[in-house]
Every structure is written in structure tokens, then in C-alpha cells.
Amino acid sequence: MKRSNALIAATLALSINAFAGAAHAAEPAKATEKCYGVSLAGKNDCSAGAGTSCAGTSKADYQGDAWVMVEKGTCAQIKTPKGYGSLKAIQ
């Protein structure tokens, strides 16, 4: 009897998990955009200009040619000690 109760409980848990995963997958993905000049040193998402190759290779905080992905429409609102984020590389 204990074995069948455990089997029922496991089946129920898997079913709940499957429904939760399906509900999460149905949520639309948020649109994102590249935001330059807002990442900390070594925290950029990808290529940060000359001397860098990809994620985590920026050399300085708020490096103008280093970017991170942010929610669309929020980049220009991100304030740093060097100014606001930009949709284009900052020279």
C-alpha cells in the first residue's frame, strides 16, 4: 500500500510541475536591447571593442563600447557616474 501511495504522490508532483512549466513557457519573452556604457568591468555581455573578445572582458566600469542586454526602453533611463546608458557605443 505504501508503494502505491508514493507512486501516486510522485505522479501528482510531476503533473503539477509539468503544468507550471507549460504556464511559464506561455509567458511572452520581454523584448531586450543592447545598452552601452552601463556595465561594470568584466560584467559586459559580449564584445567590448578593441582588446576584448566576448562576455566578461570589459576593462573598466561604464566602458563606452561595452554593452549588456536590458529590457527594451530602459537603457536611456540607466544613470551611471559617467552619464546615461546609450543604444550606440559611446566614444
PDB file of N, CA and C in Angstrom:
ATOM      1  N   MET A   1       0.821  -1.197   0.000  1.00  0.00           N
ATOM      2  CA  MET A   1       0.000   0.000   0.000  1.00  0.00           C
ATOM      3  C   MET A   1       0.863   1.259   0.000  1.00  0.00           C
ATOM      4  N   LYS A   2       1.958   1.252   0.770  1.00  0.00           N
ATOM      5  CA  LYS A   2       2.815   2.431   0.839  1.00  0.00           C
ATOM      6  C   LYS A   2       3.419   2.743  -0.518  1.00  0.00           C
ATOM      7  N   ARG A   3       3.770   1.704  -1.260  1.00  0.00           N
ATOM      8  CA  ARG A   3       4.388   1.897  -2.567  1.00  0.00           C
ATOM      9  C   ARG A   3       3.424   2.588  -3.530  1.00  0.00           C
ATOM     10  N   SER A   4       2.147   2.228  -3.508  1.00  0.00           N
ATOM     11  CA  SER A   4       1.177   2.848  -4.414  1.00  0.00           C
ATOM     12  C   SER A   4       0.924   4.303  -4.022  1.00  0.00           C
ATOM     13  N   ASN A   5       0.941   4.607  -2.726  1.00  0.00           N
ATOM     14  CA  ASN A   5       0.779   5.994  -2.297  1.00  0.00           C
ATOM     15  C   ASN A   5       1.956   6.848  -2.764  1.00  0.00           C
ATOM     16  N   ALA A   6       3.150   6.294  -2.688  1.00  0.00           N
ATOM     17  CA  ALA A   6       4.339   7.017  -3.144  1.00  0.00           C
ATOM     18  C   ALA A   6       4.272   7.233  -4.646  1.00  0.00           C
ATOM     19  N   LEU A   7       3.806   6.247  -5.374  1.00  0.00           N
ATOM     20  CA  LEU A   7       3.676   6.368  -6.825  1.00  0.00           C
ATOM     21  C   LEU A   7       2.651   7.434  -7.190  1.00  0.00           C
ATOM     22  N   ILE A   8       1.542   7.461  -6.495  1.00  0.00           N
ATOM     23  CA  ILE A   8       0.504   8.472  -6.737  1.00  0.00           C
ATOM     24  C   ILE A   8       1.056   9.859  -6.423  1.00  0.00           C
ATOM     25  N   ALA A   9       1.767   9.997  -5.315  1.00  0.00           N
ATOM     26  CA  ALA A   9       2.335  11.294  -4.926  1.00  0.00           C
ATOM     27  C   ALA A   9       3.356  11.771  -5.956  1.00  0.00           C
ATOM     28  N   ALA A  10       4.200  10.853  -6.434  1.00  0.00           N
ATOM     29  CA  ALA A  10       5.203  11.213  -7.434  1.00  0.00           C
ATOM     30  C   ALA A  10       4.539  11.631  -8.741  1.00  0.00           C
ATOM     31  N   THR A  11       3.508  10.915  -9.147  1.00  0.00           N
ATOM     32  CA  THR A  11       2.786  11.244 -10.370  1.00  0.00           C
ATOM     33  C   THR A  11       2.117  12.610 -10.250  1.00  0.00           C
ATOM     34  N   LEU A  12       1.530  12.874  -9.117  1.00  0.00           N
ATOM     35  CA  LEU A  12       0.886  14.168  -8.876  1.00  0.00           C
ATOM     36  C   LEU A  12       1.917  15.296  -8.911  1.00  0.00           C
ATOM     37  N   ALA A  13       3.055  15.085  -8.271  1.00  0.00           N
ATOM     38  CA  ALA A  13       4.104  16.112  -8.257  1.00  0.00           C
ATOM     39  C   ALA A  13       4.613  16.397  -9.667  1.00  0.00           C
ATOM     40  N   LEU A  14       4.820  15.353 -10.466  1.00  0.00           N
ATOM     41  CA  LEU A  14       5.281  15.539 -11.838  1.00  0.00           C
ATOM     42  C   LEU A  14       4.234  16.262 -12.686  1.00  0.00           C
ATOM     43  N   SER A  15       2.973  15.954 -12.462  1.00  0.00           N
ATOM     44  CA  SER A  15       1.894  16.604 -13.210  1.00  0.00           C
ATOM     45  C   SER A  15       1.833  18.091 -12.888  1.00  0.00           C
ATOM     46  N   ILE A  16       1.938  18.428 -11.624  1.00  0.00           N
ATOM     47  CA  ILE A  16       1.918  19.838 -11.207  1.00  0.00           C
ATOM     48  C   ILE A  16       3.106  20.574 -11.812  1.00  0.00           C
ATOM     49  N   ASN A  17       4.271  19.943 -11.767  1.00  0.00           N
ATOM     50  CA  ASN A  17       5.470  20.548 -12.332  1.00  0.00           C
ATOM     51  C   ASN A  17       5.321  20.773 -13.838  1.00  0.00           C
ATOM     52  N   ALA A  18       4.725  19.829 -14.545  1.00  0.00           N
ATOM     53  CA  ALA A  18       4.531  19.956 -15.988  1.00  0.00           C
ATOM     54  C   ALA A  18       3.583  21.110 -16.311  1.00  0.00           C
ATOM     55  N   PHE A  19       2.501  21.248 -15.540  1.00  0.00           N
ATOM     56  CA  PHE A  19       1.562  22.349 -15.764  1.00  0.00           C
ATOM     57  C   PHE A  19       2.220  23.695 -15.469  1.00  0.00           C
ATOM     58  N   ALA A  20       3.030  23.771 -14.428  1.00  0.00           N
ATOM     59  CA  ALA A  20       3.722  25.016 -14.093  1.00  0.00           C
ATOM     60  C   ALA A  20       4.701  25.395 -15.194  1.00  0.00           C
ATOM     61  N   GLY A  21       5.406  24.411 -15.733  1.00  0.00           N
ATOM     62  CA  GLY A  21       6.348  24.677 -16.826  1.00  0.00           C
ATOM     63  C   GLY A  21       5.629  25.157 -18.072  1.00  0.00           C
ATOM     64  N   ALA A  22       4.489  24.574 -18.375  1.00  0.00           N
ATOM     65  CA  ALA A  22       3.724  24.978 -19.548  1.00  0.00           C
ATOM     66  C   ALA A  22       3.192  26.396 -19.382  1.00  0.00           C
ATOM     67  N   ALA A  23       2.768  26.757 -18.196  1.00  0.00           N
ATOM     68  CA  ALA A  23       2.274  28.110 -17.939  1.00  0.00           C
ATOM     69  C   ALA A  23       3.411  29.121 -18.076  1.00  0.00           C
ATOM     70  N   HIS A  24       4.578  28.769 -17.576  1.00  0.00           N
ATOM     71  CA  HIS A  24       5.731  29.667 -17.673  1.00  0.00           C
ATOM     72  C   HIS A  24       6.146  29.845 -19.128  1.00  0.00           C
ATOM     73  N   ALA A  25       6.112  28.786 -19.915  1.00  0.00           N
ATOM     74  CA  ALA A  25       6.500  28.853 -21.314  1.00  0.00           C
ATOM     75  C   ALA A  25       5.524  29.707 -22.120  1.00  0.00           C
ATOM     76  N   ALA A  26       4.297  29.822 -21.665  1.00  0.00           N
ATOM     77  CA  ALA A  26       3.288  30.592 -22.379  1.00  0.00           C
ATOM     78  C   ALA A  26       3.483  32.094 -22.207  1.00  0.00           C
ATOM     79  N   GLU A  27       4.262  32.503 -21.198  1.00  0.00           N
ATOM     80  CA  GLU A  27       4.508  33.928 -20.990  1.00  0.00           C
ATOM     81  C   GLU A  27       5.361  34.462 -22.134  1.00  0.00           C
ATOM     82  N   PRO A  28       5.000  35.626 -22.684  1.00  0.00           N
ATOM     83  CA  PRO A  28       5.810  36.177 -23.771  1.00  0.00           C
ATOM     84  C   PRO A  28       7.157  36.652 -23.242  1.00  0.00           C
ATOM     85  N   ALA A  29       8.192  36.456 -24.048  1.00  0.00           N
ATOM     86  CA  ALA A  29       9.524  36.908 -23.660  1.00  0.00           C
ATOM     87  C   ALA A  29       9.561  38.430 -23.747  1.00  0.00           C
ATOM     88  N   LYS A  30      10.232  39.053 -22.809  1.00  0.00           N
ATOM     89  CA  LYS A  30      10.357  40.507 -22.824  1.00  0.00           C
ATOM     90  C   LYS A  30      11.363  40.902 -23.890  1.00  0.00           C
ATOM     91  N   ALA A  31      11.045  41.948 -24.610  1.00  0.00           N
ATOM     92  CA  ALA A  31      11.953  42.450 -25.636  1.00  0.00           C
ATOM     93  C   ALA A  31      13.158  43.095 -24.951  1.00  0.00           C
ATOM     94  N   THR A  32      14.330  42.894 -25.525  1.00  0.00           N
ATOM     95  CA  THR A  32      15.544  43.455 -24.955  1.00  0.00           C
ATOM     96  C   THR A  32      16.308  44.236 -26.017  1.00  0.00           C
ATOM     97  N   GLU A  33      17.284  45.013 -25.550  1.00  0.00           N
ATOM     98  CA  GLU A  33      18.144  45.766 -26.444  1.00  0.00           C
ATOM     99  C   GLU A  33      19.519  45.912 -25.810  1.00  0.00           C
ATOM    100  N   LYS A  34      20.527  46.161 -26.666  1.00  0.00           N
ATOM    101  CA  LYS A  34      21.887  46.386 -26.179  1.00  0.00           C
ATOM    102  C   LYS A  34      21.951  47.779 -25.555  1.00  0.00           C
ATOM    103  N   CYS A  35      22.580  47.870 -24.389  1.00  0.00           N
ATOM    104  CA  CYS A  35      22.737  49.147 -23.709  1.00  0.00           C
ATOM    105  C   CYS A  35      24.226  49.348 -23.422  1.00  0.00           C
ATOM    106  N   TYR A  36      24.798  50.374 -24.011  1.00  0.00           N
ATOM    107  CA  TYR A  36      26.227  50.662 -23.888  1.00  0.00           C
ATOM    108  C   TYR A  36      26.511  51.602 -22.716  1.00  0.00           C
ATOM    109  N   GLY A  37      27.676  51.395 -22.109  1.00  0.00           N
ATOM    110  CA  GLY A  37      28.162  52.310 -21.088  1.00  0.00           C
ATOM    111  C   GLY A  37      27.584  52.135 -19.703  1.00  0.00           C
ATOM    112  N   VAL A  38      26.937  51.009 -19.424  1.00  0.00           N
ATOM    113  CA  VAL A  38      26.315  50.823 -18.109  1.00  0.00           C
ATOM    114  C   VAL A  38      26.866  49.631 -17.329  1.00  0.00           C
ATOM    115  N   SER A  39      27.694  48.809 -17.971  1.00  0.00           N
ATOM    116  CA  SER A  39      28.181  47.604 -17.286  1.00  0.00           C
ATOM    117  C   SER A  39      29.428  47.895 -16.453  1.00  0.00           C
ATOM    118  N   LEU A  40      29.615  47.103 -15.438  1.00  0.00           N
ATOM    119  CA  LEU A  40      30.825  47.195 -14.623  1.00  0.00           C
ATOM    120  C   LEU A  40      31.935  46.404 -15.304  1.00  0.00           C
ATOM    121  N   ALA A  41      33.178  46.672 -14.938  1.00  0.00           N
ATOM    122  CA  ALA A  41      34.326  45.971 -15.525  1.00  0.00           C
ATOM    123  C   ALA A  41      34.136  44.464 -15.397  1.00  0.00           C
ATOM    124  N   GLY A  42      34.304  43.764 -16.510  1.00  0.00           N
ATOM    125  CA  GLY A  42      34.176  42.313 -16.518  1.00  0.00           C
ATOM    126  C   GLY A  42      32.760  41.798 -16.458  1.00  0.00           C
ATOM    127  N   LYS A  43      31.769  42.661 -16.573  1.00  0.00           N
ATOM    128  CA  LYS A  43      30.365  42.245 -16.470  1.00  0.00           C
ATOM    129  C   LYS A  43      29.583  42.502 -17.752  1.00  0.00           C
ATOM    130  N   ASN A  44      30.281  42.821 -18.857  1.00  0.00           N
ATOM    131  CA  ASN A  44      29.584  43.068 -20.121  1.00  0.00           C
ATOM    132  C   ASN A  44      29.065  41.757 -20.702  1.00  0.00           C
ATOM    133  N   ASP A  45      28.086  41.862 -21.600  1.00  0.00           N
ATOM    134  CA  ASP A  45      27.504  40.663 -22.203  1.00  0.00           C
ATOM    135  C   ASP A  45      28.334  40.122 -23.349  1.00  0.00           C
ATOM    136  N   CYS A  46      28.878  40.952 -24.191  1.00  0.00           N
ATOM    137  CA  CYS A  46      29.721  40.459 -25.271  1.00  0.00           C
ATOM    138  C   CYS A  46      30.587  41.579 -25.819  1.00  0.00           C
ATOM    139  N   SER A  47      31.417  41.273 -26.786  1.00  0.00           N
ATOM    140  CA  SER A  47      32.431  42.134 -27.384  1.00  0.00           C
ATOM    141  C   SER A  47      32.378  43.597 -26.953  1.00  0.00           C
ATOM    142  N   ALA A  48      33.441  44.048 -26.344  1.00  0.00           N
ATOM    143  CA  ALA A  48      33.518  45.416 -25.839  1.00  0.00           C
ATOM    144  C   ALA A  48      34.632  46.185 -26.535  1.00  0.00           C
ATOM    145  N   GLY A  49      34.683  46.085 -27.826  1.00  0.00           N
ATOM    146  CA  GLY A  49      35.659  46.843 -28.589  1.00  0.00           C
ATOM    147  C   GLY A  49      37.034  46.208 -28.631  1.00  0.00           C
ATOM    148  N   ALA A  50      38.006  46.994 -29.077  1.00  0.00           N
ATOM    149  CA  ALA A  50      39.373  46.509 -29.247  1.00  0.00           C
ATOM    150  C   ALA A  50      39.930  45.945 -27.944  1.00  0.00           C
ATOM    151  N   GLY A  51      40.583  44.794 -28.043  1.00  0.00           N
ATOM    152  CA  GLY A  51      41.198  44.173 -26.876  1.00  0.00           C
ATOM    153  C   GLY A  51      40.267  43.286 -26.068  1.00  0.00           C
ATOM    154  N   THR A  52      39.031  43.160 -26.502  1.00  0.00           N
ATOM    155  CA  THR A  52      38.085  42.285 -25.797  1.00  0.00           C
ATOM    156  C   THR A  52      37.511  41.292 -26.803  1.00  0.00           C
ATOM    157  N   SER A  53      37.066  40.162 -26.313  1.00  0.00           N
ATOM    158  CA  SER A  53      36.538  39.155 -27.219  1.00  0.00           C
ATOM    159  C   SER A  53      35.060  38.900 -27.002  1.00  0.00           C
ATOM    160  N   CYS A  54      34.657  38.742 -25.767  1.00  0.00           N
ATOM    161  CA  CYS A  54      33.243  38.473 -25.528  1.00  0.00           C
ATOM    162  C   CYS A  54      32.879  38.764 -24.074  1.00  0.00           C
ATOM    163  N   ALA A  55      31.873  38.090 -23.578  1.00  0.00           N
ATOM    164  CA  ALA A  55      31.326  38.364 -22.256  1.00  0.00           C
ATOM    165  C   ALA A  55      32.394  38.395 -21.171  1.00  0.00           C
ATOM    166  N   GLY A  56      32.286  39.393 -20.300  1.00  0.00           N
ATOM    167  CA  GLY A  56      33.167  39.488 -19.147  1.00  0.00           C
ATOM    168  C   GLY A  56      34.557  40.016 -19.451  1.00  0.00           C
ATOM    169  N   THR A  57      34.753  40.671 -20.593  1.00  0.00           N
ATOM    170  CA  THR A  57      36.098  41.111 -20.959  1.00  0.00           C
ATOM    171  C   THR A  57      36.281  42.629 -20.958  1.00  0.00           C
ATOM    172  N   SER A  58      35.278  43.385 -20.538  1.00  0.00           N
ATOM    173  CA  SER A  58      35.464  44.841 -20.489  1.00  0.00           C
ATOM    174  C   SER A  58      36.496  45.176 -19.418  1.00  0.00           C
ATOM    175  N   LYS A  59      37.229  46.235 -19.644  1.00  0.00           N
ATOM    176  CA  LYS A  59      38.360  46.581 -18.781  1.00  0.00           C
ATOM    177  C   LYS A  59      38.029  47.605 -17.693  1.00  0.00           C
ATOM    178  N   ALA A  60      36.976  48.388 -17.886  1.00  0.00           N
ATOM    179  CA  ALA A  60      36.667  49.463 -16.947  1.00  0.00           C
ATOM    180  C   ALA A  60      35.171  49.541 -16.673  1.00  0.00           C
ATOM    181  N   ASP A  61      34.810  50.074 -15.530  1.00  0.00           N
ATOM    182  CA  ASP A  61      33.404  50.326 -15.224  1.00  0.00           C
ATOM    183  C   ASP A  61      32.857  51.345 -16.220  1.00  0.00           C
ATOM    184  N   TYR A  62      31.646  51.119 -16.696  1.00  0.00           N
ATOM    185  CA  TYR A  62      30.917  52.021 -17.585  1.00  0.00           C
ATOM    186  C   TYR A  62      31.666  52.291 -18.891  1.00  0.00           C
ATOM    187  N   GLN A  63      32.407  51.299 -19.364  1.00  0.00           N
ATOM    188  CA  GLN A  63      33.161  51.411 -20.614  1.00  0.00           C
ATOM    189  C   GLN A  63      32.177  51.678 -21.753  1.00  0.00           C
ATOM    190  N   GLY A  64      32.440  52.709 -22.539  1.00  0.00           N
ATOM    191  CA  GLY A  64      31.505  53.165 -23.568  1.00  0.00           C
ATOM    192  C   GLY A  64      31.219  52.189 -24.682  1.00  0.00           C
ATOM    193  N   ASP A  65      32.148  51.267 -24.966  1.00  0.00           N
ATOM    194  CA  ASP A  65      31.904  50.306 -26.037  1.00  0.00           C
ATOM    195  C   ASP A  65      31.523  48.925 -25.510  1.00  0.00           C
ATOM    196  N   ALA A  66      31.277  48.820 -24.217  1.00  0.00           N
ATOM    197  CA  ALA A  66      30.826  47.567 -23.599  1.00  0.00           C
ATOM    198  C   ALA A  66      29.311  47.652 -23.403  1.00  0.00           C
ATOM    199  N   TRP A  67      28.633  46.545 -23.674  1.00  0.00           N
ATOM    200  CA  TRP A  67      27.180  46.575 -23.546  1.00  0.00           C
ATOM    201  C   TRP A  67      26.649  45.388 -22.759  1.00  0.00           C
ATOM    202  N   VAL A  68      25.427  45.553 -22.270  1.00  0.00           N
ATOM    203  CA  VAL A  68      24.656  44.481 -21.641  1.00  0.00           C
ATOM    204  C   VAL A  68      23.247  44.545 -22.224  1.00  0.00           C
ATOM    205  N   MET A  69      22.550  43.435 -22.192  1.00  0.00           N
ATOM    206  CA  MET A  69      21.162  43.408 -22.653  1.00  0.00           C
ATOM    207  C   MET A  69      20.262  43.874 -21.514  1.00  0.00           C
ATOM    208  N   VAL A  70      19.375  44.798 -21.821  1.00  0.00           N
ATOM    209  CA  VAL A  70      18.418  45.312 -20.851  1.00  0.00           C
ATOM    210  C   VAL A  70      17.025  45.262 -21.463  1.00  0.00           C
ATOM    211  N   GLU A  71      16.020  45.404 -20.644  1.00  0.00           N
ATOM    212  CA  GLU A  71      14.650  45.420 -21.132  1.00  0.00           C
ATOM    213  C   GLU A  71      14.464  46.613 -22.064  1.00  0.00           C
ATOM    214  N   LYS A  72      13.831  46.372 -23.191  1.00  0.00           N
ATOM    215  CA  LYS A  72      13.645  47.404 -24.208  1.00  0.00           C
ATOM    216  C   LYS A  72      12.990  48.650 -23.597  1.00  0.00           C
ATOM    217  N   GLY A  73      13.553  49.794 -23.939  1.00  0.00           N
ATOM    218  CA  GLY A  73      13.007  51.064 -23.461  1.00  0.00           C
ATOM    219  C   GLY A  73      13.580  51.548 -22.145  1.00  0.00           C
ATOM    220  N   THR A  74      14.490  50.774 -21.536  1.00  0.00           N
ATOM    221  CA  THR A  74      15.018  51.183 -20.229  1.00  0.00           C
ATOM    222  C   THR A  74      16.449  51.714 -20.286  1.00  0.00           C
ATOM    223  N   CYS A  75      17.149  51.506 -21.392  1.00  0.00           N
ATOM    224  CA  CYS A  75      18.570  51.840 -21.462  1.00  0.00           C
ATOM    225  C   CYS A  75      18.840  53.308 -21.137  1.00  0.00           C
ATOM    226  N   ALA A  76      18.151  54.209 -21.796  1.00  0.00           N
ATOM    227  CA  ALA A  76      18.409  55.643 -21.625  1.00  0.00           C
ATOM    228  C   ALA A  76      18.030  56.145 -20.231  1.00  0.00           C
ATOM    229  N   GLN A  77      17.376  55.306 -19.438  1.00  0.00           N
ATOM    230  CA  GLN A  77      16.997  55.692 -18.072  1.00  0.00           C
ATOM    231  C   GLN A  77      18.021  55.227 -17.043  1.00  0.00           C
ATOM    232  N   ILE A  78      19.002  54.421 -17.459  1.00  0.00           N
ATOM    233  CA  ILE A  78      20.006  53.901 -16.525  1.00  0.00           C
ATOM    234  C   ILE A  78      21.087  54.950 -16.344  1.00  0.00           C
ATOM    235  N   LYS A  79      21.185  55.489 -15.129  1.00  0.00           N
ATOM    236  CA  LYS A  79      22.151  56.548 -14.832  1.00  0.00           C
ATOM    237  C   LYS A  79      23.386  55.942 -14.169  1.00  0.00           C
ATOM    238  N   THR A  80      24.540  56.352 -14.644  1.00  0.00           N
ATOM    239  CA  THR A  80      25.821  55.919 -14.083  1.00  0.00           C
ATOM    240  C   THR A  80      26.613  57.170 -13.693  1.00  0.00           C
ATOM    241  N   PRO A  81      27.739  57.016 -13.020  1.00  0.00           N
ATOM    242  CA  PRO A  81      28.565  58.187 -12.701  1.00  0.00           C
ATOM    243  C   PRO A  81      29.081  58.898 -13.958  1.00  0.00           C
ATOM    244  N   LYS A  82      29.037  58.229 -15.106  1.00  0.00           N
ATOM    245  CA  LYS A  82      29.519  58.831 -16.347  1.00  0.00           C
ATOM    246  C   LYS A  82      28.388  59.311 -17.247  1.00  0.00           C
ATOM    247  N   GLY A  83      27.162  59.228 -16.794  1.00  0.00           N
ATOM    248  CA  GLY A  83      26.009  59.650 -17.595  1.00  0.00           C
ATOM    249  C   GLY A  83      25.003  58.535 -17.744  1.00  0.00           C
ATOM    250  N   TYR A  84      24.180  58.634 -18.772  1.00  0.00           N
ATOM    251  CA  TYR A  84      23.122  57.658 -19.001  1.00  0.00           C
ATOM    252  C   TYR A  84      23.544  56.608 -20.024  1.00  0.00           C
ATOM    253  N   GLY A  85      22.855  55.470 -20.008  1.00  0.00           N
ATOM    254  CA  GLY A  85      23.105  54.419 -20.978  1.00  0.00           C
ATOM    255  C   GLY A  85      22.771  54.889 -22.380  1.00  0.00           C
ATOM    256  N   SER A  86      23.329  54.219 -23.380  1.00  0.00           N
ATOM    257  CA  SER A  86      23.151  54.606 -24.775  1.00  0.00           C
ATOM    258  C   SER A  86      22.888  53.373 -25.630  1.00  0.00           C
ATOM    259  N   LEU A  87      22.073  53.549 -26.673  1.00  0.00           N
ATOM    260  CA  LEU A  87      21.796  52.463 -27.608  1.00  0.00           C
ATOM    261  C   LEU A  87      22.933  52.305 -28.625  1.00  0.00           C
ATOM    262  N   LYS A  88      23.845  53.247 -28.638  1.00  0.00           N
ATOM    263  CA  LYS A  88      25.019  53.189 -29.520  1.00  0.00           C
ATOM    264  C   LYS A  88      26.268  53.279 -28.672  1.00  0.00           C
ATOM    265  N   ALA A  89      27.363  52.702 -29.179  1.00  0.00           N
ATOM    266  CA  ALA A  89      28.636  52.746 -28.449  1.00  0.00           C
ATOM    267  C   ALA A  89      29.011  54.202 -28.163  1.00  0.00           C
ATOM    268  N   ILE A  90      29.500  54.431 -26.963  1.00  0.00           N
ATOM    269  CA  ILE A  90      29.917  55.764 -26.531  1.00  0.00           C
ATOM    270  C   ILE A  90      31.413  55.883 -26.743  1.00  0.00           C
ATOM    271  N   GLN A  91      31.842  56.883 -27.463  1.00  0.00           N
ATOM    272  CA  GLN A  91      33.283  57.059 -27.733  1.00  0.00           C
ATOM    273  C   GLN A  91      33.965  57.836 -26.643  1.00  0.00           C
TER     274      GLN A  91
END
